[in-house]
Amino acid sequence: MALSRALRCCQRIFSWIPVIIISSVVLWSYYAYVFELCFVTLTHDLERVVYLSIFHVCFIMFCWTYWKAIFTPPATPSKKFHLSYSDKERYELEERPDVQKQILADIAKKLPIFTRAQSGAIRFCDRCQVIKPDRCHHCSVCETCILKMDHHCPWVNNCVGFSNYKFFLLFLSYSMIYCVFVASTVFQYFLKFWVGDLPNGPAKFHVLFLLFVALMFFVSLMFLFGYHCWLVAKNRSTLEAFSAPVFQNGPDRNGFNVGLNRNLQQVFGEDRKLWFIPVFTSQGDGHYFPLRTLRESENPLLGSEGKWMEDGGSDEESADENGPSVVIRTES
């Protein structure tokens, strides 16, 4: 028992190593750009002011989004999706798998659930003892079920899901902008150092490596950001891209694809002025997502919302436990 706790403690400590590496590179880039480039290498005051002003805007937005991606707790299923004491006891005492499946199916009738396991049964997490909402998956690293789980990212040491997916995308985008700005403004001085127009000194080393590091990170981020843009446009998570969600009629990769505009609104919200600001604006509460084949009149969240909310508690209680909650709006 003590050994297991020690191993988990070591794992948690080592899990911060990628974050420390990224933070160290960013802090070095700040020093190299601000002091070695702007204060030591640049000679024109106007150029220095412009470079420093734009650089600090990019740097602040990068740090803000990175912080939000790291420290926003992943959203977990609310109490509505946990088995009650009597249901849990009935489920655990039952030894017949078919009857267990039927018990879960009866409970799930009160919940807005459409996805199924590969076998066609209700998706249930034995470790968390919770009926999984649509797009919810268990993260073995976080040791809990995550709403709309995309993946566990070691570079932010956090599970990327419903509560912080927008922050993760903004982190990627502002990282690219940061790299592009640094590389484009450093390039001319890189050439001057290379051909010997500027004297050798500590600034030369920092300027040369600034360009290489910025380009290296930009290339890697470009592919990752492009892939996630494609996922957002299709309204898929990384897990759903590899394994299509299963509905009552079978697997369907486009089951949650409700059109480009509404797909974007699910992640970024309806107010476009807030799309590029790292504040939570995603639609819904992560427990239900509109379906491509479901009309508004058939929407169980609208048709039986009072039923499943009354059984599981109020919206306020769910919001307190799982973070921000936004009313889901659907269009026919």
Protein backbone atom coordinates (compact mmCIF):
# COMPACT_ATOMS: atom_id res chain seq x y z
CA MET A 1 0.00 0.00 0.00
CA ALA A 2 2.77 2.41 0.95
CA LEU A 3 4.71 1.43 -2.20
CA SER A 4 1.68 2.10 -4.36
CA ARG A 5 1.24 5.56 -2.84
CA ALA A 6 4.93 6.31 -3.34
CA LEU A 7 4.72 5.29 -6.99
CA ARG A 8 1.65 7.47 -7.56
CA CYS A 9 3.42 10.38 -5.88
CA CYS A 10 6.46 9.93 -8.13
CA GLN A 11 4.22 9.69 -11.16
CA ARG A 12 2.53 12.99 -10.30
CA ILE A 13 5.91 14.67 -9.84
CA PHE A 14 7.34 13.34 -13.11
CA SER A 15 4.16 14.30 -14.97
CA TRP A 16 5.12 17.95 -14.52
CA ILE A 17 8.43 17.53 -16.38
CA PRO A 18 6.98 18.34 -19.86
CA VAL A 19 5.32 21.48 -18.44
CA ILE A 20 8.59 22.53 -16.80
CA ILE A 21 10.44 22.02 -20.11
CA ILE A 22 7.96 24.16 -22.04
CA SER A 23 7.97 26.85 -19.34
CA SER A 24 11.78 26.93 -19.28
CA VAL A 25 11.99 27.33 -23.07
CA VAL A 26 9.40 30.12 -23.00
CA LEU A 27 11.18 31.97 -20.17
CA TRP A 28 14.49 31.68 -22.02
CA SER A 29 12.86 32.98 -25.21
CA TYR A 30 11.52 35.96 -23.25
CA TYR A 31 14.99 36.81 -21.97
CA ALA A 32 16.63 36.26 -25.36
CA TYR A 33 14.09 38.36 -27.27
CA VAL A 34 13.58 41.22 -24.81
CA PHE A 35 17.11 41.68 -23.52
CA GLU A 36 19.51 40.16 -26.05
CA LEU A 37 17.62 41.20 -29.18
CA CYS A 38 15.64 44.32 -28.32
CA PHE A 39 17.93 45.98 -25.75
CA VAL A 40 21.34 44.78 -26.98
CA THR A 41 21.04 44.20 -30.73
CA LEU A 42 18.45 46.73 -31.94
CA THR A 43 19.64 50.27 -32.47
CA HIS A 44 16.43 52.10 -33.52
CA ASP A 45 14.14 53.15 -30.68
CA LEU A 46 10.95 53.02 -32.77
CA GLU A 47 11.71 49.51 -33.95
CA ARG A 48 12.44 48.46 -30.36
CA VAL A 49 9.13 49.88 -29.07
CA VAL A 50 7.09 48.22 -31.84
CA TYR A 51 8.80 44.86 -31.36
CA LEU A 52 8.42 44.92 -27.58
CA SER A 53 4.76 45.99 -27.72
CA ILE A 54 3.66 43.26 -30.12
CA PHE A 55 5.87 40.67 -28.44
CA HIS A 56 4.34 41.25 -25.01
CA VAL A 57 0.80 40.97 -26.38
CA CYS A 58 1.68 37.60 -27.93
CA PHE A 59 3.54 36.51 -24.81
CA ILE A 60 0.68 37.42 -22.45
CA MET A 61 -1.94 35.64 -24.57
CA PHE A 62 0.28 32.58 -24.85
CA CYS A 63 0.85 32.41 -21.08
CA TRP A 64 -2.83 33.07 -20.33
CA THR A 65 -4.09 30.27 -22.59
CA TYR A 66 -1.36 27.87 -21.42
CA TRP A 67 -2.28 28.54 -17.79
CA LYS A 68 -5.98 27.93 -18.50
CA ALA A 69 -5.24 24.71 -20.39
CA ILE A 70 -3.14 23.42 -17.48
CA PHE A 71 -5.16 24.48 -14.45
CA THR A 72 -8.77 24.22 -15.64
CA PRO A 73 -10.09 21.08 -13.93
CA PRO A 74 -11.54 18.54 -16.37
CA ALA A 75 -15.34 18.27 -16.09
CA THR A 76 -16.74 15.03 -14.71
CA PRO A 77 -20.27 13.56 -14.87
CA SER A 78 -22.77 15.06 -12.44
CA LYS A 79 -24.65 13.11 -9.77
CA LYS A 80 -27.49 12.50 -12.21
CA PHE A 81 -25.34 9.89 -13.94
CA HIS A 82 -24.18 8.14 -10.77
CA LEU A 83 -26.10 5.12 -9.61
CA SER A 84 -28.26 5.62 -6.57
CA TYR A 85 -27.52 3.48 -3.54
CA SER A 86 -30.41 1.12 -4.27
CA ASP A 87 -29.56 0.85 -7.99
CA LYS A 88 -25.92 0.26 -7.21
CA GLU A 89 -26.76 -2.46 -4.71
CA ARG A 90 -29.17 -4.12 -7.16
CA TYR A 91 -26.57 -3.96 -9.95
CA GLU A 92 -23.75 -5.41 -7.84
CA LEU A 93 -25.84 -8.22 -6.37
CA GLU A 94 -27.05 -9.31 -9.80
CA GLU A 95 -24.74 -11.93 -11.31
CA ARG A 96 -26.42 -12.33 -14.72
CA PRO A 97 -24.83 -9.98 -17.31
CA ASP A 98 -28.04 -9.66 -19.31
CA VAL A 99 -29.98 -8.54 -16.25
CA GLN A 100 -27.21 -6.08 -15.34
CA LYS A 101 -27.46 -4.59 -18.82
CA GLN A 102 -31.22 -4.27 -18.43
CA ILE A 103 -30.82 -2.53 -15.07
CA LEU A 104 -28.51 0.05 -16.66
CA ALA A 105 -30.86 0.41 -19.64
CA ASP A 106 -33.80 1.16 -17.33
CA ILE A 107 -31.80 3.80 -15.44
CA ALA A 108 -30.54 5.35 -18.70
CA LYS A 109 -34.11 5.92 -19.93
CA LYS A 110 -34.23 8.92 -17.57
CA LEU A 111 -31.02 10.37 -19.04
CA PRO A 112 -30.21 12.03 -22.40
CA ILE A 113 -27.96 9.20 -23.62
CA PHE A 114 -27.71 8.02 -27.22
CA THR A 115 -24.30 6.38 -27.56
CA ARG A 116 -23.71 2.75 -26.72
CA ALA A 117 -20.80 0.39 -26.14
CA GLN A 118 -19.58 -1.75 -29.04
CA SER A 119 -21.82 -4.54 -27.75
CA GLY A 120 -24.86 -2.25 -27.86
CA ALA A 121 -25.12 -1.99 -24.08
CA ILE A 122 -25.29 1.20 -22.03
CA ARG A 123 -21.78 2.56 -21.46
CA PHE A 124 -20.97 2.12 -17.78
CA CYS A 125 -17.69 2.78 -15.94
CA ASP A 126 -17.05 0.13 -13.29
CA ARG A 127 -14.24 2.17 -11.74
CA CYS A 128 -16.22 5.40 -11.34
CA GLN A 129 -19.59 3.64 -10.94
CA VAL A 130 -21.21 6.06 -13.36
CA ILE A 131 -23.29 5.77 -16.50
CA LYS A 132 -21.20 7.55 -19.10
CA PRO A 133 -22.82 10.53 -20.82
CA ASP A 134 -22.37 10.78 -24.57
CA ARG A 135 -18.72 11.45 -25.53
CA CYS A 136 -17.54 10.79 -21.96
CA HIS A 137 -14.56 8.46 -21.43
CA HIS A 138 -12.49 7.24 -18.51
CA CYS A 139 -8.95 8.66 -18.31
CA SER A 140 -6.52 6.18 -16.80
CA VAL A 141 -4.08 8.98 -15.93
CA CYS A 142 -6.61 11.25 -14.19
CA GLU A 143 -8.38 8.15 -12.83
CA THR A 144 -11.84 9.54 -13.51
CA CYS A 145 -14.40 9.89 -16.27
CA ILE A 146 -14.03 13.07 -18.35
CA LEU A 147 -16.86 14.81 -20.18
CA LYS A 148 -16.25 15.00 -23.94
CA MET A 149 -12.75 13.67 -23.45
CA ASP A 150 -10.38 14.43 -26.32
CA HIS A 151 -7.05 13.14 -24.99
CA HIS A 152 -4.70 13.39 -22.05
CA CYS A 153 -1.98 15.87 -22.97
CA PRO A 154 1.38 15.52 -21.17
CA TRP A 155 2.44 19.01 -22.34
CA VAL A 156 -0.29 20.59 -20.22
CA ASN A 157 -0.36 17.74 -17.67
CA ASN A 158 -4.13 17.72 -17.92
CA CYS A 159 -6.96 15.92 -19.60
CA VAL A 160 -8.28 17.91 -22.56
CA GLY A 161 -12.05 17.73 -22.62
CA PHE A 162 -15.24 19.74 -22.47
CA SER A 163 -14.14 22.23 -19.82
CA ASN A 164 -10.80 23.23 -21.40
CA TYR A 165 -10.89 22.22 -25.08
CA LYS A 166 -11.35 25.85 -26.14
CA PHE A 167 -8.36 26.86 -24.00
CA PHE A 168 -6.27 24.08 -25.54
CA LEU A 169 -7.09 25.27 -29.07
CA LEU A 170 -6.31 28.88 -28.16
CA PHE A 171 -3.05 27.73 -26.58
CA LEU A 172 -2.05 26.07 -29.87
CA SER A 173 -3.04 29.10 -31.93
CA TYR A 174 -1.29 31.68 -29.74
CA SER A 175 1.77 29.42 -29.56
CA MET A 176 1.94 29.48 -33.36
CA ILE A 177 1.49 33.26 -33.47
CA TYR A 178 4.21 33.64 -30.85
CA CYS A 179 6.60 31.46 -32.87
CA VAL A 180 5.81 33.19 -36.16
CA PHE A 181 6.32 36.66 -34.71
CA VAL A 182 9.61 35.73 -33.04
CA ALA A 183 10.96 33.98 -36.14
CA SER A 184 9.93 36.76 -38.56
CA THR A 185 11.43 39.57 -36.47
CA VAL A 186 14.61 37.68 -35.60
CA PHE A 187 15.35 36.49 -39.15
CA GLN A 188 17.03 39.65 -40.46
CA TYR A 189 19.33 39.79 -37.43
CA PHE A 190 20.05 36.10 -37.80
CA LEU A 191 21.34 36.87 -41.31
CA LYS A 192 23.39 39.82 -40.10
CA PHE A 193 25.05 37.69 -37.43
CA TRP A 194 25.58 34.89 -39.94
CA VAL A 195 27.39 37.05 -42.51
CA GLY A 196 29.32 39.00 -39.87
CA ASP A 197 27.59 42.39 -40.16
CA LEU A 198 27.03 42.37 -36.39
CA PRO A 199 29.81 41.75 -33.83
CA ASN A 200 30.09 38.40 -32.08
CA GLY A 201 28.82 38.23 -28.51
CA PRO A 202 26.29 36.51 -26.27
CA ALA A 203 23.44 38.04 -28.28
CA LYS A 204 24.52 36.09 -31.37
CA PHE A 205 24.00 32.75 -29.66
CA HIS A 206 20.54 33.73 -28.38
CA VAL A 207 19.37 35.17 -31.71
CA LEU A 208 20.52 32.10 -33.67
CA PHE A 209 18.80 29.68 -31.33
CA LEU A 210 15.66 31.83 -31.12
CA LEU A 211 15.11 31.34 -34.83
CA PHE A 212 15.76 27.60 -34.78
CA VAL A 213 13.57 26.98 -31.72
CA ALA A 214 10.72 29.15 -33.04
CA LEU A 215 10.71 27.39 -36.42
CA MET A 216 10.95 23.95 -34.85
CA PHE A 217 8.00 24.54 -32.53
CA PHE A 218 5.98 26.22 -35.28
CA VAL A 219 6.26 23.24 -37.62
CA SER A 220 5.18 20.76 -34.93
CA LEU A 221 2.36 23.01 -33.73
CA MET A 222 1.14 23.65 -37.27
CA PHE A 223 0.31 19.98 -37.87
CA LEU A 224 -1.29 19.53 -34.45
CA PHE A 225 -3.35 22.72 -34.76
CA GLY A 226 -4.45 21.81 -38.29
CA TYR A 227 -5.59 18.39 -37.10
CA HIS A 228 -7.66 19.87 -34.28
CA CYS A 229 -9.20 22.45 -36.62
CA TRP A 230 -10.36 19.54 -38.77
CA LEU A 231 -11.76 17.82 -35.67
CA VAL A 232 -13.69 20.95 -34.65
CA ALA A 233 -15.08 21.36 -38.18
CA LYS A 234 -16.31 17.74 -38.08
CA ASN A 235 -17.36 17.95 -34.39
CA ARG A 236 -15.22 14.98 -33.39
CA SER A 237 -12.83 14.36 -30.56
CA THR A 238 -9.48 12.65 -31.05
CA LEU A 239 -10.95 9.48 -29.56
CA GLU A 240 -13.95 9.63 -31.90
CA ALA A 241 -11.68 10.13 -34.89
CA PHE A 242 -9.98 6.80 -34.13
CA SER A 243 -13.10 4.95 -32.96
CA ALA A 244 -16.50 6.10 -34.22
CA PRO A 245 -19.18 6.57 -31.55
CA VAL A 246 -21.79 3.84 -31.55
CA PHE A 247 -25.47 4.75 -31.64
CA GLN A 248 -28.55 2.55 -31.56
CA ASN A 249 -28.33 2.22 -35.34
CA GLY A 250 -24.60 1.46 -35.30
CA PRO A 251 -21.32 3.40 -35.52
CA ASP A 252 -21.42 6.88 -37.04
CA ARG A 253 -18.37 9.17 -37.19
CA ASN A 254 -20.60 12.12 -38.12
CA GLY A 255 -23.22 11.52 -35.44
CA PHE A 256 -22.48 14.82 -33.68
CA ASN A 257 -21.73 16.83 -36.82
CA VAL A 258 -24.46 19.50 -36.99
CA GLY A 259 -22.81 21.83 -39.52
CA LEU A 260 -19.67 23.96 -39.44
CA ASN A 261 -21.23 27.03 -37.80
CA ARG A 262 -22.96 25.12 -35.01
CA ASN A 263 -19.88 22.92 -34.53
CA LEU A 264 -17.79 26.03 -33.93
CA GLN A 265 -20.41 27.47 -31.59
CA GLN A 266 -20.36 24.33 -29.45
CA VAL A 267 -16.67 24.91 -28.71
CA PHE A 268 -16.35 28.71 -28.84
CA GLY A 269 -19.88 29.91 -28.04
CA GLU A 270 -22.24 32.22 -29.89
CA ASP A 271 -20.51 35.52 -29.06
CA ARG A 272 -17.71 35.77 -31.62
CA LYS A 273 -16.08 38.63 -29.73
CA LEU A 274 -15.12 36.08 -27.05
CA TRP A 275 -13.87 33.36 -29.39
CA PHE A 276 -10.24 34.38 -29.06
CA ILE A 277 -10.33 35.19 -25.33
CA PRO A 278 -9.55 32.34 -22.89
CA VAL A 279 -12.83 32.51 -20.98
CA PHE A 280 -15.33 29.66 -20.89
CA THR A 281 -17.99 30.17 -23.59
CA SER A 282 -18.63 26.60 -24.81
CA GLN A 283 -22.28 25.63 -25.19
CA GLY A 284 -23.98 23.19 -22.86
CA ASP A 285 -22.78 21.47 -19.73
CA GLY A 286 -20.93 18.56 -21.38
CA HIS A 287 -23.58 15.95 -20.65
CA TYR A 288 -25.61 16.25 -23.85
CA PHE A 289 -24.76 17.18 -27.44
CA PRO A 290 -27.17 17.74 -30.35
CA LEU A 291 -27.23 14.95 -32.90
CA ARG A 292 -27.09 15.26 -36.67
CA THR A 293 -30.13 13.03 -37.15
CA LEU A 294 -32.22 14.43 -34.27
CA ARG A 295 -34.69 17.23 -34.82
CA GLU A 296 -35.46 19.84 -32.19
CA SER A 297 -38.94 18.39 -31.61
CA GLU A 298 -37.30 15.04 -30.81
CA ASN A 299 -34.61 16.52 -28.57
CA PRO A 300 -34.81 14.66 -25.24
CA LEU A 301 -33.00 17.45 -23.44
CA LEU A 302 -35.86 19.79 -24.37
CA GLY A 303 -38.66 17.23 -24.22
CA SER A 304 -37.79 15.54 -20.93
CA GLU A 305 -35.37 17.99 -19.36
CA GLY A 306 -37.53 18.39 -16.28
CA LYS A 307 -37.66 14.64 -15.81
CA TRP A 308 -33.94 13.88 -15.75
CA MET A 309 -33.07 17.12 -13.96
CA GLU A 310 -35.63 16.38 -11.24
CA ASP A 311 -34.22 12.91 -10.74
CA GLY A 312 -30.63 14.07 -10.50
CA GLY A 313 -30.75 17.53 -8.97
CA SER A 314 -30.80 21.12 -10.14
CA ASP A 315 -28.71 22.87 -12.75
CA GLU A 316 -27.09 24.97 -10.06
CA GLU A 317 -25.86 21.89 -8.21
CA SER A 318 -24.40 20.48 -11.42
CA ALA A 319 -22.68 23.74 -12.25
CA ASP A 320 -21.12 23.94 -8.79
CA GLU A 321 -19.64 20.49 -9.19
CA ASN A 322 -18.52 20.58 -12.82
CA GLY A 323 -17.70 24.17 -13.59
CA PRO A 324 -19.49 26.62 -15.89
CA SER A 325 -22.84 25.67 -17.34
CA VAL A 326 -24.43 27.21 -20.40
CA VAL A 327 -27.94 26.59 -21.72
CA ILE A 328 -27.86 24.36 -24.80
CA ARG A 329 -29.60 25.84 -27.80
CA THR A 330 -30.56 23.78 -30.80
CA GLU A 331 -31.79 24.63 -34.25
CA SER A 332 -34.06 22.62 -36.44
